[in-house]
Protein backbone atom coordinates (compact mmCIF):
# COMPACT_ATOMS: atom_id res chain seq x y z
CA MET A 1 -176.86 -6.45 53.25
CA GLU A 2 -177.37 -2.60 53.21
CA THR A 3 -175.10 -0.50 55.05
CA GLN A 4 -176.94 2.46 57.06
CA ARG A 5 -174.90 5.47 58.64
CA PHE A 6 -176.34 7.53 60.87
CA ILE A 7 -175.11 11.00 62.56
CA VAL A 8 -175.00 11.15 65.99
CA ASP A 9 -173.94 14.30 67.44
CA ASN A 10 -175.06 16.91 69.73
CA ASN A 11 -176.91 18.67 66.90
CA VAL A 12 -178.82 15.54 66.02
CA ASP A 13 -181.94 14.02 68.11
CA SER A 14 -180.44 10.42 67.96
CA GLU A 15 -182.27 8.65 70.21
CA LYS A 16 -183.85 6.62 67.45
CA SER A 17 -180.48 5.80 66.06
CA TYR A 18 -179.30 4.73 69.74
CA SER A 19 -182.07 2.58 69.79
CA GLN A 20 -181.87 1.31 66.52
CA ALA A 21 -178.11 0.03 67.51
CA VAL A 22 -179.10 -1.64 70.88
CA ASP A 23 -181.79 -3.47 69.20
CA LEU A 24 -179.57 -4.66 66.47
CA LEU A 25 -176.77 -5.45 69.15
CA ASN A 26 -179.09 -7.81 71.01
CA ASN A 27 -180.14 -9.41 68.16
CA GLY A 28 -176.70 -10.91 67.40
CA GLU A 29 -175.63 -8.12 64.75
CA LEU A 30 -172.70 -5.92 64.48
CA VAL A 31 -172.67 -2.14 64.93
CA ALA A 32 -169.64 0.12 64.02
CA PHE A 33 -169.37 3.31 66.80
CA PRO A 34 -166.63 6.08 67.88
CA THR A 35 -164.23 6.03 70.65
CA GLU A 36 -161.52 8.85 70.79
CA THR A 37 -159.21 6.56 69.23
CA VAL A 38 -160.84 4.81 66.21
CA TYR A 39 -163.94 3.64 65.02
CA GLY A 40 -164.85 0.08 66.92
CA LEU A 41 -166.74 -2.76 64.91
CA GLY A 42 -169.26 -4.13 67.61
CA ALA A 43 -171.25 -7.48 69.16
CA VAL A 44 -172.15 -8.46 72.17
CA ALA A 45 -168.99 -10.12 73.99
CA THR A 46 -171.20 -12.87 75.34
CA ASN A 47 -172.72 -13.73 72.22
CA GLU A 48 -170.41 -16.07 70.25
CA SER A 49 -172.00 -16.01 67.01
CA ALA A 50 -172.39 -12.43 67.12
CA VAL A 51 -168.80 -12.33 67.64
CA LYS A 52 -167.62 -15.00 65.05
CA LYS A 53 -169.20 -12.15 62.38
CA ILE A 54 -166.45 -9.42 63.39
CA TYR A 55 -163.97 -12.16 62.17
CA ALA A 56 -165.84 -12.39 59.23
CA ALA A 57 -166.25 -9.22 58.60
CA LYS A 58 -163.03 -8.11 58.93
CA GLY A 59 -161.32 -10.88 57.29
CA ARG A 60 -159.43 -10.95 60.83
CA PRO A 61 -157.51 -13.90 61.72
CA SER A 62 -159.09 -15.97 64.59
CA ASP A 63 -156.21 -16.08 67.31
CA ASN A 64 -156.44 -12.43 67.17
CA PRO A 65 -158.01 -11.51 70.42
CA LEU A 66 -160.73 -8.87 70.80
CA ILE A 67 -160.98 -5.94 73.01
CA VAL A 68 -164.07 -5.72 75.20
CA HIS A 69 -165.69 -2.19 76.26
CA ILE A 70 -167.31 -1.55 78.95
CA GLY A 71 -169.60 1.40 79.75
CA THR A 72 -169.54 1.50 83.62
CA PHE A 73 -166.79 0.27 86.18
CA ALA A 74 -169.58 -1.95 87.68
CA GLU A 75 -169.39 -4.04 85.17
CA LEU A 76 -165.47 -5.37 85.43
CA GLU A 77 -165.76 -7.78 87.88
CA LYS A 78 -168.39 -9.77 86.05
CA TYR A 79 -166.01 -10.54 83.21
CA VAL A 80 -162.48 -10.55 85.21
CA ASP A 81 -160.77 -12.95 88.12
CA TYR A 82 -159.11 -10.56 89.90
CA ILE A 83 -158.19 -7.10 89.94
CA SER A 84 -154.43 -5.75 91.10
CA ASP A 85 -153.97 -2.80 93.03
CA LYS A 86 -151.55 -1.47 90.16
CA ALA A 87 -154.89 -2.06 87.77
CA ARG A 88 -156.92 -0.21 89.98
CA LYS A 89 -154.57 2.93 90.40
CA CYS A 90 -154.34 2.69 86.26
CA MET A 91 -158.22 2.46 86.35
CA GLU A 92 -158.34 5.56 88.34
CA ALA A 93 -155.79 7.68 86.42
CA PHE A 94 -156.92 6.87 82.58
CA TRP A 95 -160.67 5.59 82.64
CA PRO A 96 -162.59 6.69 80.30
CA GLY A 97 -159.61 6.68 78.18
CA PRO A 98 -157.48 5.11 75.62
CA LEU A 99 -156.46 2.46 77.58
CA THR A 100 -157.07 -1.26 77.38
CA ILE A 101 -155.66 -3.70 80.30
CA ILE A 102 -155.05 -7.20 80.24
CA PHE A 103 -156.58 -9.32 83.14
CA LYS A 104 -157.27 -12.75 83.89
CA VAL A 105 -160.61 -13.85 82.38
CA LYS A 106 -163.17 -15.49 84.31
CA PRO A 107 -164.32 -18.44 82.50
CA ASN A 108 -167.37 -19.41 80.77
CA ILE A 109 -168.69 -15.62 80.81
CA LEU A 110 -167.46 -13.81 77.55
CA ALA A 111 -167.58 -15.82 74.01
CA PRO A 112 -164.84 -17.93 73.41
CA SER A 113 -163.75 -16.25 70.05
CA VAL A 114 -163.19 -12.94 72.00
CA THR A 115 -159.87 -14.70 74.00
CA ALA A 116 -158.93 -16.46 71.15
CA GLY A 117 -157.99 -19.57 73.32
CA LEU A 118 -156.37 -17.15 76.04
CA ASP A 119 -156.96 -17.27 79.78
CA THR A 120 -156.89 -13.21 80.09
CA VAL A 121 -159.27 -10.40 78.09
CA GLY A 122 -158.10 -7.19 77.18
CA ILE A 123 -160.86 -4.60 78.69
CA ARG A 124 -161.07 -0.58 78.30
CA MET A 125 -163.72 2.09 79.03
CA PRO A 126 -163.45 4.94 76.02
CA ASN A 127 -163.74 8.18 76.71
CA HIS A 128 -166.07 9.32 73.94
CA PRO A 129 -170.04 10.33 74.32
CA VAL A 130 -171.24 8.04 71.48
CA ALA A 131 -169.50 4.99 72.82
CA ILE A 132 -170.69 5.35 76.61
CA ARG A 133 -174.09 6.49 75.57
CA LEU A 134 -174.37 3.27 73.49
CA LEU A 135 -172.58 0.86 76.03
CA GLN A 136 -174.48 2.24 79.11
CA LYS A 137 -177.92 2.12 76.90
CA LEU A 138 -177.14 -1.84 76.08
CA GLY A 139 -175.66 -2.70 79.54
CA LYS A 140 -173.56 -5.44 78.03
CA PRO A 141 -170.20 -6.35 77.28
CA VAL A 142 -169.32 -5.24 73.47
CA ALA A 143 -166.30 -6.67 71.95
CA ALA A 144 -164.98 -4.12 69.13
CA PRO A 145 -161.87 -4.38 67.28
CA SER A 146 -161.14 -1.46 64.53
CA ALA A 147 -164.02 -1.12 62.22
CA ASN A 148 -162.10 -1.64 58.99
CA ARG A 149 -160.81 -4.50 56.82
CA SER A 150 -157.98 -6.36 58.34
CA GLY A 151 -154.53 -5.04 57.69
CA LYS A 152 -155.77 -1.67 56.23
CA PRO A 153 -155.52 1.44 57.95
CA SER A 154 -157.96 2.18 60.92
CA PRO A 155 -161.02 4.53 60.77
CA THR A 156 -160.49 7.56 62.00
CA GLU A 157 -164.16 9.09 60.32
CA GLY A 158 -167.57 7.01 59.54
CA ILE A 159 -167.12 7.59 55.88
CA HIS A 160 -163.81 5.36 56.74
CA VAL A 161 -165.96 2.34 57.97
CA GLU A 162 -168.51 2.65 55.13
CA GLN A 163 -165.38 2.22 52.42
CA ASP A 164 -164.05 -0.62 54.02
CA LEU A 165 -167.37 -2.76 55.28
CA ALA A 166 -170.18 -1.25 53.59
CA GLY A 167 -172.55 -4.53 52.76
CA GLU A 168 -170.85 -6.42 55.60
CA ILE A 169 -172.80 -4.80 58.34
CA PRO A 170 -175.77 -3.19 59.05
CA MET A 171 -174.96 0.26 60.72
CA ILE A 172 -172.63 2.67 61.46
CA LEU A 173 -173.00 5.03 64.19
CA ASP A 174 -170.93 8.24 62.81
CA GLY A 175 -169.85 10.56 65.46
CA GLY A 176 -167.65 12.66 63.50
CA ALA A 177 -163.84 12.78 63.55
CA THR A 178 -161.96 10.82 66.53
CA GLY A 179 -159.87 12.75 68.18
CA ILE A 180 -156.53 10.78 69.18
CA GLY A 181 -156.14 8.80 66.00
CA VAL A 182 -154.16 5.52 67.43
CA GLU A 183 -155.58 2.75 69.20
CA SER A 184 -155.87 2.90 72.82
CA THR A 185 -152.76 1.66 74.68
CA VAL A 186 -152.48 -2.09 75.78
CA ILE A 187 -150.96 -2.96 79.03
CA ASP A 188 -150.38 -6.39 80.73
CA LEU A 189 -150.67 -5.76 84.32
CA THR A 190 -150.99 -9.82 84.92
CA LEU A 191 -147.14 -10.03 85.00
CA GLU A 192 -145.15 -9.25 87.81
CA THR A 193 -143.50 -6.09 86.16
CA PRO A 194 -146.12 -4.58 83.28
CA VAL A 195 -145.65 -4.80 79.77
CA ILE A 196 -146.95 -2.74 77.28
CA LEU A 197 -148.12 -4.97 74.62
CA ARG A 198 -149.45 -1.96 72.13
CA PRO A 199 -148.17 1.50 72.53
CA GLY A 200 -150.74 4.28 72.50
CA ALA A 201 -151.81 7.72 73.80
CA ILE A 202 -150.96 6.42 77.34
CA THR A 203 -147.30 6.17 77.35
CA LYS A 204 -144.43 4.12 79.56
CA GLU A 205 -143.75 7.54 81.19
CA MET A 206 -147.38 7.98 82.30
CA PHE A 207 -147.86 4.64 83.87
CA GLU A 208 -144.61 5.03 85.38
CA LYS A 209 -145.79 7.92 87.58
CA VAL A 210 -148.97 5.95 88.65
CA ILE A 211 -147.31 2.25 88.63
CA GLY A 212 -144.01 2.51 88.78
CA PRO A 213 -141.51 0.52 86.19
CA VAL A 214 -143.10 -0.50 82.87
CA GLU A 215 -141.44 -2.96 80.24
CA GLN A 216 -142.20 -1.42 76.57
CA PRO A 217 -140.96 -4.09 74.27
CA THR A 218 -140.63 -3.21 70.48
CA HIS A 219 -143.29 -4.83 67.81
CA ILE A 220 -140.41 -7.23 65.96
CA GLU A 221 -139.60 -8.31 69.86
CA GLN A 222 -143.28 -8.89 70.34
CA LYS A 223 -143.75 -11.02 66.94
CA ALA A 224 -143.16 -14.83 68.63
CA GLY A 225 -146.41 -16.62 69.16
CA ALA A 226 -149.67 -16.19 69.64
CA PRO A 227 -150.65 -12.33 69.60
CA ARG A 228 -151.74 -11.37 73.47
CA ALA A 229 -153.43 -8.51 72.34
CA PRO A 230 -154.83 -6.85 69.02
CA GLY A 231 -152.08 -5.15 66.84
CA MET A 232 -149.06 -7.28 68.20
CA LYS A 233 -148.71 -9.71 64.83
CA TYR A 234 -151.13 -9.06 61.94
CA THR A 235 -152.24 -5.81 61.65
CA HIS A 236 -150.53 -3.60 59.16
CA TYR A 237 -152.24 -0.39 58.53
CA ALA A 238 -151.23 -0.42 54.82
CA PRO A 239 -152.68 1.54 51.89
CA ASN A 240 -152.33 -0.30 48.53
CA ALA A 241 -149.06 1.49 47.71
CA PRO A 242 -145.66 0.23 49.37
CA VAL A 243 -144.79 2.24 52.60
CA TYR A 244 -141.26 3.27 52.73
CA LEU A 245 -139.83 4.98 56.15
CA ILE A 246 -137.47 8.09 55.52
CA GLU A 247 -135.89 10.40 58.36
CA GLN A 248 -137.64 13.97 58.71
CA ASN A 249 -134.75 15.48 56.85
CA GLU A 250 -136.06 17.67 54.31
CA GLN A 251 -132.77 17.36 52.26
CA GLN A 252 -133.01 13.87 52.32
CA VAL A 253 -137.15 13.57 51.30
CA SER A 254 -136.40 16.08 48.57
CA ARG A 255 -133.63 13.84 47.18
CA ALA A 256 -135.71 10.69 47.50
CA ILE A 257 -138.44 11.94 45.68
CA LYS A 258 -136.64 13.15 42.59
CA GLU A 259 -134.77 9.38 42.70
CA LEU A 260 -138.05 7.58 42.59
CA GLN A 261 -139.48 9.99 40.09
CA GLN A 262 -136.82 9.73 37.62
CA GLN A 263 -137.55 6.21 38.11
CA GLY A 264 -140.88 6.48 36.85
CA HIS A 265 -142.54 6.56 40.39
CA LYS A 266 -145.56 8.41 41.57
CA VAL A 267 -144.64 9.21 44.85
CA ALA A 268 -146.78 10.32 47.76
CA LEU A 269 -145.40 11.95 51.16
CA LEU A 270 -146.44 11.81 54.54
CA GLY A 271 -144.81 14.34 56.13
CA PRO A 272 -144.72 17.55 58.33
CA GLN A 273 -146.14 20.58 56.93
CA ARG A 274 -143.25 22.29 56.46
CA PHE A 275 -142.91 19.60 53.57
CA ALA A 276 -145.42 20.73 51.52
CA HIS A 277 -143.48 22.76 49.31
CA LEU A 278 -141.44 19.61 48.05
CA VAL A 279 -142.21 18.25 44.84
CA SER A 280 -143.87 14.90 45.22
CA ASN A 281 -146.90 13.99 43.27
CA TRP A 282 -149.13 14.07 46.24
CA PHE A 283 -148.79 15.54 49.86
CA PHE A 284 -150.89 14.39 52.92
CA THR A 285 -149.66 16.37 56.09
CA LEU A 286 -148.95 14.50 59.16
CA GLY A 287 -148.60 17.70 61.02
CA ASP A 288 -145.72 19.05 63.29
CA SER A 289 -146.49 17.85 66.71
CA LYS A 290 -146.59 14.35 67.60
CA GLU A 291 -150.34 14.37 68.78
CA GLU A 292 -150.94 16.04 65.23
CA MET A 293 -149.41 13.05 63.71
CA ALA A 294 -151.35 10.40 65.95
CA ALA A 295 -154.57 12.14 64.76
CA ASN A 296 -153.42 12.23 61.19
CA LEU A 297 -151.67 9.51 60.49
CA PHE A 298 -154.25 6.81 59.21
CA HIS A 299 -156.51 9.44 57.30
CA ALA A 300 -153.17 10.20 55.96
CA LEU A 301 -152.71 6.50 54.78
CA ARG A 302 -155.85 6.12 53.46
CA ALA A 303 -156.07 8.94 51.68
CA CYS A 304 -153.11 7.29 49.67
CA ASP A 305 -155.40 5.12 47.80
CA SER A 306 -157.33 8.01 46.50
CA THR A 307 -154.38 8.77 44.23
CA ALA A 308 -152.69 6.80 41.53
CA ALA A 309 -149.27 7.01 43.60
CA ASP A 310 -147.16 3.82 43.20
CA ILE A 311 -145.07 4.51 46.43
CA VAL A 312 -145.74 6.23 49.84
CA LEU A 313 -143.11 7.89 51.56
CA ALA A 314 -143.52 8.49 55.23
CA THR A 315 -141.54 10.49 57.61
CA VAL A 316 -140.71 9.05 61.06
CA THR A 317 -140.28 10.75 64.56
CA SER A 318 -138.58 10.06 67.80
CA THR A 319 -140.31 7.22 70.00
CA ASP A 320 -140.84 8.95 73.24
CA GLY A 321 -144.06 9.86 74.45
CA VAL A 322 -146.55 9.09 72.14
CA GLY A 323 -143.78 9.20 69.36
CA ALA A 324 -143.96 5.14 70.56
CA ALA A 325 -147.43 4.54 69.30
CA ILE A 326 -146.83 6.38 66.04
CA MET A 327 -143.69 4.43 64.95
CA ASN A 328 -145.17 1.32 65.75
CA ARG A 329 -148.18 2.07 63.28
CA LEU A 330 -145.65 3.36 60.95
CA GLU A 331 -143.12 0.33 61.17
CA LYS A 332 -146.04 -2.12 60.58
CA SER A 333 -147.53 -0.44 57.48
CA ALA A 334 -143.77 -0.01 55.89
CA GLY A 335 -143.16 -3.85 56.92
CA GLY A 336 -140.48 -2.43 58.56
CA LYS A 337 -138.57 -1.16 55.08
CA TRP A 338 -136.66 1.95 54.91
CA TYR A 339 -136.17 4.24 51.72
CA SER A 340 -132.67 4.11 50.33
CA LYS A 341 -131.05 3.71 47.23
CA ASP A 342 -131.51 -0.03 46.75
CA TYR A 343 -135.13 0.06 48.37
CA GLN A 344 -136.55 -2.26 45.67
CA LYS A 345 -134.20 -5.12 46.86
CA GLN A 346 -135.41 -4.58 50.27
């Protein structure tokens, strides 16, 4: 299969590209498209054979549910049993935006593979002009996980999708680099006390201003049992070389690089811009603010694969605000490994 990547932005007449994307989706094919978080790999969510193509293209475990994207508020009632007051408040505050809400799903409407056997479904309305235009032109719900090979860093540019899925999907709508850089927050509002299943740009603190108390367990606490949302169990965001986490302490990082290089390792460092002068073999900036870290994280992890690095050191941040989302992805990328002198034993 030939994969075509079409540039769609304000400077290009893209009507033909959107029409082609809609035709492909209506015919049961896959289309990758940008959202404000990462690129998604979309199929019509009511078409079981099309949804199964997502799992095949990504190499994704079949018990990992998919998020459904909609282009209008009116569509929601077609797919969910009940919209609570808390859900309505969250929708008013954060949609369109990087928020996925878990609802009780109406039976026999969405494809079975979307919910992976659960009685719930995650739905969001993305805040990206390309995604909204595509969804509204199509007029159907679109199941869309991140458009990458399962386990690899999520794509924040169209070229990342092409690198992972060329030959697997027919079309990529390339709307340039995404803004936020980490996937949407997933919150389960079917519970008496809402629970954040995946942290993102909409933070615990932001929710609590709108709907009151919210729980946010760590990803380690969430690993048992079948995943209720994407990213809870299987996603690793991992480059080819092993990743080790390290405190954002310049002396500690400098010492670690020297130790590793003395052992013959080639080291890629992911850290704040002020660490650029350290003597790693490769340096990729995460930026200095948490917002910059979120936007740059997956790009930096992917960039490591273009080097000959055999160890990646990634500096960490605190877990307040969007830091919870950053640390969630970093800990998965590293498989929970932290750098120490006996790192080889971990």
